Amino acid sequence: MLKMNAIRVEKFGGPEVLRISETARPLPRAGQVLVRLHAAGVNPVETYIRSGEYAKLPTLPYTPGTDGAGRIESIGPEVEGFQTGERVYVAGSLTGTYAELCLCEAKHVHPLPAEMGFAEGASLGVPYATAWHALHDRARIEKGETVLIHGGTGGVGIASIQIAKEAGLVVFATGGTESGRLVLIEQGAEAAFDHHASGYLEAILSRTGGRGVDAIIEMLANVNLGKDLVLLAPGGRVAVVGSRGAVEINPRDAMTRESDIRGVMLSSVAEGRLAEIHRHLGEGLSRGVYRPVIGKQFPLRLASEAHEEVRTPGAHGKVVLLL
């Protein structure tokens, strides 16, 4: 039996449960593609699953990861449009992407532009699809509106800035470090605010002439949701991408503005719509308007350190595993 190296989780717990081991190499069946990975994206949701603190948990043991990039190793029957050796990024895996090889349904495999590296390709799936869904499907953005990316230095935040700029929005963002805020400006934010500083809410409102922002993409709702509501313009929307606990808000802040709080969950998006999102992303990638920013990179055997890094406040760019 052919073997490969992969991270396996035998029990839920802290980062230390991520252990590299040899496991059976998967074989593609009808409608499936086997990809030899050169990089795998690390997403915060994978830390929640690993810890056992997520609503839907995999059967143990399992290999984490849904995002990756590499070359097609082999193709199963009834698959068209791909060829062995082709550079691709994957946005969904049957066997997990923290591994040398991953098995995917063909619909979750997408062409990777020649000018884009594998680490960048591994940073596309969850972050860019989430950002697109949050902005276009949930926040219902319109050209000319003002959007605040509240916590903009991570993978989804940077993707949100790029997608919002391409859609013709005025973009504000927040970051907790000076270096992170410089990245936000480099990525196209018109203004970057320090969300640790006193008075930053007033500074954002002042920048809008007191009107407020039309939409907020919120990465840490348990800390920021109450603050978001007072930043909204009439009819404004908050799209909640991330939260690590409960929060208390004043409903009157939403009532007086007739504003909405809208949840964002990529796993709830219908397959047809997800295909449309990746088609839109593919168009942007081909024109070079979407380009991930890579943060720290780790070898596969240090997946535990990557999980610690992706939860560290102040980090910027996408955390990636290299294979």
Protein backbone atom coordinates (compact mmCIF):
# COMPACT_ATOMS: atom_id res chain seq x y z
CA MET A 1 0.00 0.00 0.00
CA LEU A 2 1.38 3.40 -0.99
CA LYS A 3 1.88 5.83 1.89
CA MET A 4 2.07 9.61 2.36
CA ASN A 5 2.75 12.03 5.21
CA ALA A 6 -0.24 13.79 6.72
CA ILE A 7 -1.30 15.51 9.91
CA ARG A 8 -3.68 13.27 11.83
CA VAL A 9 -5.89 14.25 14.76
CA GLU A 10 -6.65 11.25 16.98
CA LYS A 11 -8.49 13.23 19.66
CA PHE A 12 -9.82 16.76 20.03
CA GLY A 13 -7.71 19.14 22.08
CA GLY A 14 -4.95 21.74 21.94
CA PRO A 15 -2.48 22.30 19.08
CA GLU A 16 -0.35 19.42 20.38
CA VAL A 17 -2.89 16.90 19.00
CA LEU A 18 -1.74 17.79 15.47
CA ARG A 19 0.76 15.04 14.72
CA ILE A 20 2.42 14.05 11.48
CA SER A 21 2.24 10.38 10.53
CA GLU A 22 2.22 8.04 7.58
CA THR A 23 -1.19 7.19 6.20
CA ALA A 24 -2.59 5.46 3.14
CA ARG A 25 -2.39 7.38 -0.11
CA PRO A 26 -5.92 8.02 -1.44
CA LEU A 27 -7.02 7.01 -4.95
CA PRO A 28 -9.49 9.03 -7.01
CA ARG A 29 -12.84 7.51 -7.92
CA ALA A 30 -15.43 8.77 -10.38
CA GLY A 31 -15.72 12.56 -10.30
CA GLN A 32 -12.63 12.95 -8.09
CA VAL A 33 -9.17 14.48 -8.50
CA LEU A 34 -6.01 13.69 -6.53
CA VAL A 35 -3.78 16.73 -5.95
CA ARG A 36 -0.14 16.70 -4.84
CA LEU A 37 0.01 19.70 -2.54
CA HIS A 38 2.86 22.17 -2.25
CA ALA A 39 1.07 24.40 0.28
CA ALA A 40 -1.97 24.27 2.56
CA GLY A 41 -3.85 27.23 3.99
CA VAL A 42 -4.49 27.41 7.73
CA ASN A 43 -7.85 28.92 8.69
CA PRO A 44 -9.09 29.90 12.17
CA VAL A 45 -12.11 27.60 11.87
CA GLU A 46 -9.71 24.64 11.76
CA THR A 47 -8.51 25.52 15.26
CA TYR A 48 -12.08 25.48 16.56
CA ILE A 49 -12.71 22.08 14.97
CA ARG A 50 -9.42 20.68 16.29
CA SER A 51 -10.32 21.78 19.82
CA GLY A 52 -13.77 20.18 19.62
CA GLU A 53 -15.48 23.56 20.04
CA TYR A 54 -17.33 23.64 16.73
CA ALA A 55 -20.95 22.83 15.93
CA LYS A 56 -20.10 20.20 13.31
CA LEU A 57 -17.16 17.92 14.06
CA PRO A 58 -15.49 15.31 11.85
CA THR A 59 -15.21 11.65 12.78
CA LEU A 60 -11.90 10.85 14.46
CA PRO A 61 -9.22 10.36 13.32
CA TYR A 62 -9.09 13.01 10.60
CA THR A 63 -6.73 15.24 8.62
CA PRO A 64 -7.56 18.98 8.87
CA GLY A 65 -7.71 21.50 6.07
CA THR A 66 -9.87 22.49 3.10
CA ASP A 67 -7.54 24.89 1.24
CA GLY A 68 -4.39 24.04 -0.67
CA ALA A 69 -2.49 24.39 -3.92
CA GLY A 70 -0.31 22.10 -6.00
CA ARG A 71 -0.42 19.98 -9.13
CA ILE A 72 -2.89 17.33 -10.24
CA GLU A 73 -1.45 13.90 -9.49
CA SER A 74 -4.18 11.74 -11.04
CA ILE A 75 -7.74 12.01 -12.26
CA GLY A 76 -10.66 9.67 -11.67
CA PRO A 77 -13.23 8.57 -14.26
CA GLU A 78 -15.93 11.02 -15.45
CA VAL A 79 -13.74 14.08 -14.84
CA GLU A 80 -13.28 16.53 -17.69
CA GLY A 81 -11.41 19.79 -18.07
CA PHE A 82 -8.29 18.85 -16.07
CA GLN A 83 -5.00 17.20 -16.91
CA THR A 84 -2.23 15.57 -14.90
CA GLY A 85 0.43 18.06 -13.80
CA GLU A 86 -1.88 21.07 -14.02
CA ARG A 87 -1.39 23.79 -11.39
CA VAL A 88 -4.52 24.17 -9.26
CA TYR A 89 -5.88 25.49 -6.02
CA VAL A 90 -8.41 23.50 -4.02
CA ALA A 91 -11.32 24.86 -2.02
CA GLY A 92 -12.63 21.78 -0.33
CA SER A 93 -11.17 18.32 0.23
CA LEU A 94 -12.52 14.88 0.98
CA THR A 95 -9.39 13.82 2.86
CA GLY A 96 -7.93 17.08 4.28
CA THR A 97 -5.20 19.36 2.94
CA TYR A 98 -2.66 19.12 5.78
CA ALA A 99 -1.11 16.32 3.74
CA GLU A 100 1.19 15.58 0.82
CA LEU A 101 -1.78 14.48 -1.27
CA CYS A 102 -5.46 15.32 -1.00
CA LEU A 103 -8.52 13.89 -2.66
CA CYS A 104 -11.09 16.38 -3.95
CA GLU A 105 -14.33 16.43 -5.81
CA ALA A 106 -13.60 17.92 -9.23
CA LYS A 107 -15.93 20.87 -8.54
CA HIS A 108 -13.66 21.98 -5.70
CA VAL A 109 -10.53 22.17 -7.88
CA HIS A 110 -9.75 25.41 -9.73
CA PRO A 111 -7.00 26.59 -12.11
CA LEU A 112 -4.13 28.49 -10.48
CA PRO A 113 -2.75 31.41 -12.54
CA ALA A 114 0.81 30.88 -13.72
CA GLU A 115 2.05 34.05 -12.02
CA MET A 116 0.67 33.00 -8.61
CA GLY A 117 2.75 30.88 -6.22
CA PHE A 118 1.47 27.82 -4.42
CA ALA A 119 1.43 29.58 -1.02
CA GLU A 120 -0.80 32.26 -2.53
CA GLY A 121 -3.00 29.63 -4.14
CA ALA A 122 -3.43 27.90 -0.78
CA SER A 123 -4.70 31.21 0.61
CA LEU A 124 -7.64 31.59 -1.76
CA GLY A 125 -10.34 29.08 -0.88
CA VAL A 126 -11.92 29.96 2.47
CA PRO A 127 -10.66 33.57 2.81
CA TYR A 128 -11.65 34.85 -0.64
CA ALA A 129 -14.89 32.90 -0.92
CA THR A 130 -15.89 34.05 2.58
CA ALA A 131 -15.04 37.67 1.77
CA TRP A 132 -17.02 37.57 -1.49
CA HIS A 133 -20.02 35.94 0.20
CA ALA A 134 -19.90 38.40 3.13
CA LEU A 135 -19.70 41.48 0.91
CA HIS A 136 -21.93 40.60 -2.03
CA ASP A 137 -24.42 38.06 -0.67
CA ARG A 138 -24.83 39.10 2.95
CA ALA A 139 -23.88 42.80 3.23
CA ARG A 140 -25.38 43.45 -0.22
CA ILE A 141 -22.83 46.12 -1.06
CA GLU A 142 -23.43 48.66 -3.79
CA LYS A 143 -20.92 50.71 -5.75
CA GLY A 144 -20.05 53.98 -4.01
CA GLU A 145 -20.91 52.78 -0.51
CA THR A 146 -18.48 52.91 2.41
CA VAL A 147 -17.46 49.65 4.09
CA LEU A 148 -15.45 49.07 7.27
CA ILE A 149 -13.39 45.88 7.49
CA HIS A 150 -13.25 45.54 11.28
CA GLY A 151 -10.09 43.50 11.79
CA GLY A 152 -8.60 43.67 8.34
CA THR A 153 -5.11 42.20 8.61
CA GLY A 154 -5.95 38.49 8.39
CA GLY A 155 -6.68 36.40 5.32
CA VAL A 156 -10.39 37.23 5.11
CA GLY A 157 -9.77 40.88 5.95
CA ILE A 158 -7.23 41.43 3.19
CA ALA A 159 -9.43 39.54 0.72
CA SER A 160 -12.34 41.78 1.75
CA ILE A 161 -10.35 44.93 1.05
CA GLN A 162 -9.37 43.75 -2.42
CA ILE A 163 -12.88 42.59 -3.33
CA ALA A 164 -14.50 45.75 -1.96
CA LYS A 165 -12.11 48.00 -3.89
CA GLU A 166 -12.79 46.06 -7.09
CA ALA A 167 -16.53 46.56 -6.47
CA GLY A 168 -16.09 50.35 -6.28
CA LEU A 169 -16.49 50.88 -2.54
CA VAL A 170 -14.75 53.33 -0.22
CA VAL A 171 -12.87 51.06 2.17
CA PHE A 172 -11.91 51.69 5.79
CA ALA A 173 -10.18 49.01 7.86
CA THR A 174 -8.78 48.45 11.34
CA GLY A 175 -5.60 46.76 12.50
CA GLY A 176 -3.95 46.34 15.88
CA THR A 177 -0.36 47.06 14.87
CA GLU A 178 1.35 49.81 12.90
CA SER A 179 2.84 47.29 10.46
CA GLY A 180 -0.57 45.73 9.97
CA ARG A 181 -2.18 49.10 9.24
CA LEU A 182 0.50 49.82 6.65
CA VAL A 183 -0.49 46.58 4.92
CA LEU A 184 -4.13 47.70 4.93
CA ILE A 185 -3.22 50.94 3.16
CA GLU A 186 -1.00 49.07 0.70
CA GLN A 187 -3.94 46.81 -0.13
CA GLY A 188 -6.17 49.76 -0.96
CA ALA A 189 -7.88 50.89 2.25
CA GLU A 190 -8.52 54.62 2.16
CA ALA A 191 -7.94 54.83 5.90
CA ALA A 192 -6.67 52.42 8.56
CA PHE A 193 -7.56 52.80 12.24
CA ASP A 194 -6.07 51.31 15.40
CA HIS A 195 -8.89 49.38 17.08
CA HIS A 196 -6.92 49.39 20.35
CA ALA A 197 -6.81 53.19 20.50
CA SER A 198 -9.32 55.21 22.48
CA GLY A 199 -11.40 57.37 20.21
CA TYR A 200 -11.04 55.24 17.08
CA LEU A 201 -14.81 54.92 16.73
CA GLU A 202 -15.17 58.69 16.76
CA ALA A 203 -12.37 58.94 14.20
CA ILE A 204 -14.22 56.59 11.85
CA LEU A 205 -17.47 58.52 12.22
CA SER A 206 -15.63 61.80 11.66
CA ARG A 207 -14.15 60.42 8.43
CA THR A 208 -17.72 59.83 7.17
CA GLY A 209 -18.87 63.32 8.16
CA GLY A 210 -20.90 61.79 10.99
CA ARG A 211 -23.10 59.73 8.66
CA GLY A 212 -21.53 56.36 9.44
CA VAL A 213 -20.56 53.46 7.20
CA ASP A 214 -22.96 51.51 5.01
CA ALA A 215 -21.55 48.07 5.78
CA ILE A 216 -19.19 46.43 8.25
CA ILE A 217 -17.41 43.11 7.78
CA GLU A 218 -16.88 41.97 11.37
CA MET A 219 -14.16 39.47 12.32
CA LEU A 220 -14.59 39.48 16.13
CA ALA A 221 -18.23 40.11 16.96
CA ASN A 222 -17.98 39.14 20.61
CA VAL A 223 -15.75 42.20 21.12
CA ASN A 224 -16.97 44.62 18.47
CA LEU A 225 -20.64 44.08 17.61
CA GLY A 226 -21.98 46.66 20.06
CA LYS A 227 -19.48 49.20 18.71
CA ASP A 228 -20.39 48.35 15.13
CA LEU A 229 -24.03 49.31 15.56
CA VAL A 230 -23.19 52.90 16.48
CA LEU A 231 -20.93 53.21 13.42
CA LEU A 232 -23.63 52.34 10.92
CA ALA A 233 -25.35 54.77 8.60
CA PRO A 234 -29.16 54.51 8.26
CA GLY A 235 -29.96 51.14 6.71
CA GLY A 236 -26.46 49.86 7.41
CA ARG A 237 -25.54 46.19 7.62
CA VAL A 238 -23.09 44.24 9.78
CA ALA A 239 -21.93 40.94 8.27
CA VAL A 240 -20.53 38.77 11.08
CA VAL A 241 -17.70 36.58 9.80
CA GLY A 242 -16.16 35.65 13.16
CA SER A 243 -17.00 35.51 16.86
CA ARG A 244 -15.42 33.76 19.82
CA GLY A 245 -18.22 34.06 22.34
CA ALA A 246 -21.30 35.94 23.48
CA VAL A 247 -21.79 39.71 23.36
CA GLU A 248 -24.24 42.20 24.83
CA ILE A 249 -25.67 44.87 22.52
CA ASN A 250 -28.22 47.67 22.78
CA PRO A 251 -31.00 46.83 20.29
CA ARG A 252 -31.97 50.49 20.13
CA ASP A 253 -28.72 51.20 18.28
CA ALA A 254 -30.02 48.94 15.51
CA MET A 255 -33.59 50.19 15.75
CA THR A 256 -32.80 53.87 15.35
CA ARG A 257 -30.79 53.17 12.19
CA GLU A 258 -33.05 50.39 10.89
CA SER A 259 -29.85 48.39 10.52
CA ASP A 260 -29.30 44.67 10.13
CA ILE A 261 -26.98 42.09 11.68
CA ARG A 262 -26.33 39.28 9.22
CA GLY A 263 -24.45 36.06 9.88
CA VAL A 264 -21.89 34.67 7.43
CA MET A 265 -21.18 30.93 7.21
CA LEU A 266 -19.43 29.69 4.09
CA SER A 267 -20.36 26.07 4.79
CA SER A 268 -24.04 27.04 4.43
CA VAL A 269 -23.64 28.36 0.87
CA ALA A 270 -25.30 26.21 -1.76
CA GLU A 271 -22.95 24.41 -4.15
CA GLY A 272 -24.32 26.29 -7.15
CA ARG A 273 -23.69 29.65 -5.56
CA LEU A 274 -20.24 28.56 -4.39
CA ALA A 275 -19.37 27.68 -7.97
CA GLU A 276 -20.48 31.17 -9.04
CA ILE A 277 -18.33 32.75 -6.33
CA HIS A 278 -15.24 30.89 -7.52
CA ARG A 279 -16.05 31.87 -11.11
CA HIS A 280 -16.06 35.53 -10.02
CA LEU A 281 -12.81 34.98 -8.11
CA GLY A 282 -11.26 33.31 -11.14
CA GLU A 283 -12.05 36.37 -13.25
CA GLY A 284 -10.40 38.62 -10.68
CA LEU A 285 -7.39 36.35 -10.41
CA SER A 286 -6.93 36.36 -14.18
CA ARG A 287 -6.89 40.18 -14.14
CA GLY A 288 -4.50 40.29 -11.19
CA VAL A 289 -6.83 42.28 -8.92
CA TYR A 290 -6.91 39.60 -6.21
CA ARG A 291 -3.62 38.59 -4.63
CA PRO A 292 -3.26 37.07 -1.15
CA VAL A 293 -0.75 38.47 1.31
CA ILE A 294 1.28 35.69 2.91
CA GLY A 295 2.17 35.94 6.59
CA LYS A 296 4.11 33.23 8.37
CA GLN A 297 4.90 29.91 6.71
CA PHE A 298 5.55 26.62 8.50
CA PRO A 299 6.62 23.15 7.40
CA LEU A 300 3.88 20.52 7.68
CA ARG A 301 5.45 18.97 10.79
CA LEU A 302 4.97 22.30 12.64
CA ALA A 303 1.23 22.46 12.07
CA SER A 304 0.74 22.93 15.81
CA GLU A 305 2.75 26.17 15.70
CA ALA A 306 0.74 27.31 12.69
CA HIS A 307 -2.46 26.81 14.70
CA GLU A 308 -1.07 28.94 17.49
CA GLU A 309 -0.02 31.64 15.03
CA VAL A 310 -3.40 31.91 13.31
CA ARG A 311 -5.02 32.72 16.66
CA THR A 312 -2.37 35.28 17.70
CA PRO A 313 -3.67 38.88 17.85
CA GLY A 314 -1.84 41.35 15.63
CA ALA A 315 -0.67 38.84 13.04
CA HIS A 316 -1.14 39.89 9.43
CA GLY A 317 -1.33 37.95 6.21
CA LYS A 318 -2.25 34.33 5.63
CA VAL A 319 -0.70 31.48 7.64
CA VAL A 320 0.43 28.68 5.34
CA LEU A 321 1.88 25.18 5.66
CA LEU A 322 4.56 24.23 3.13
CA LEU A 323 4.93 20.67 1.88
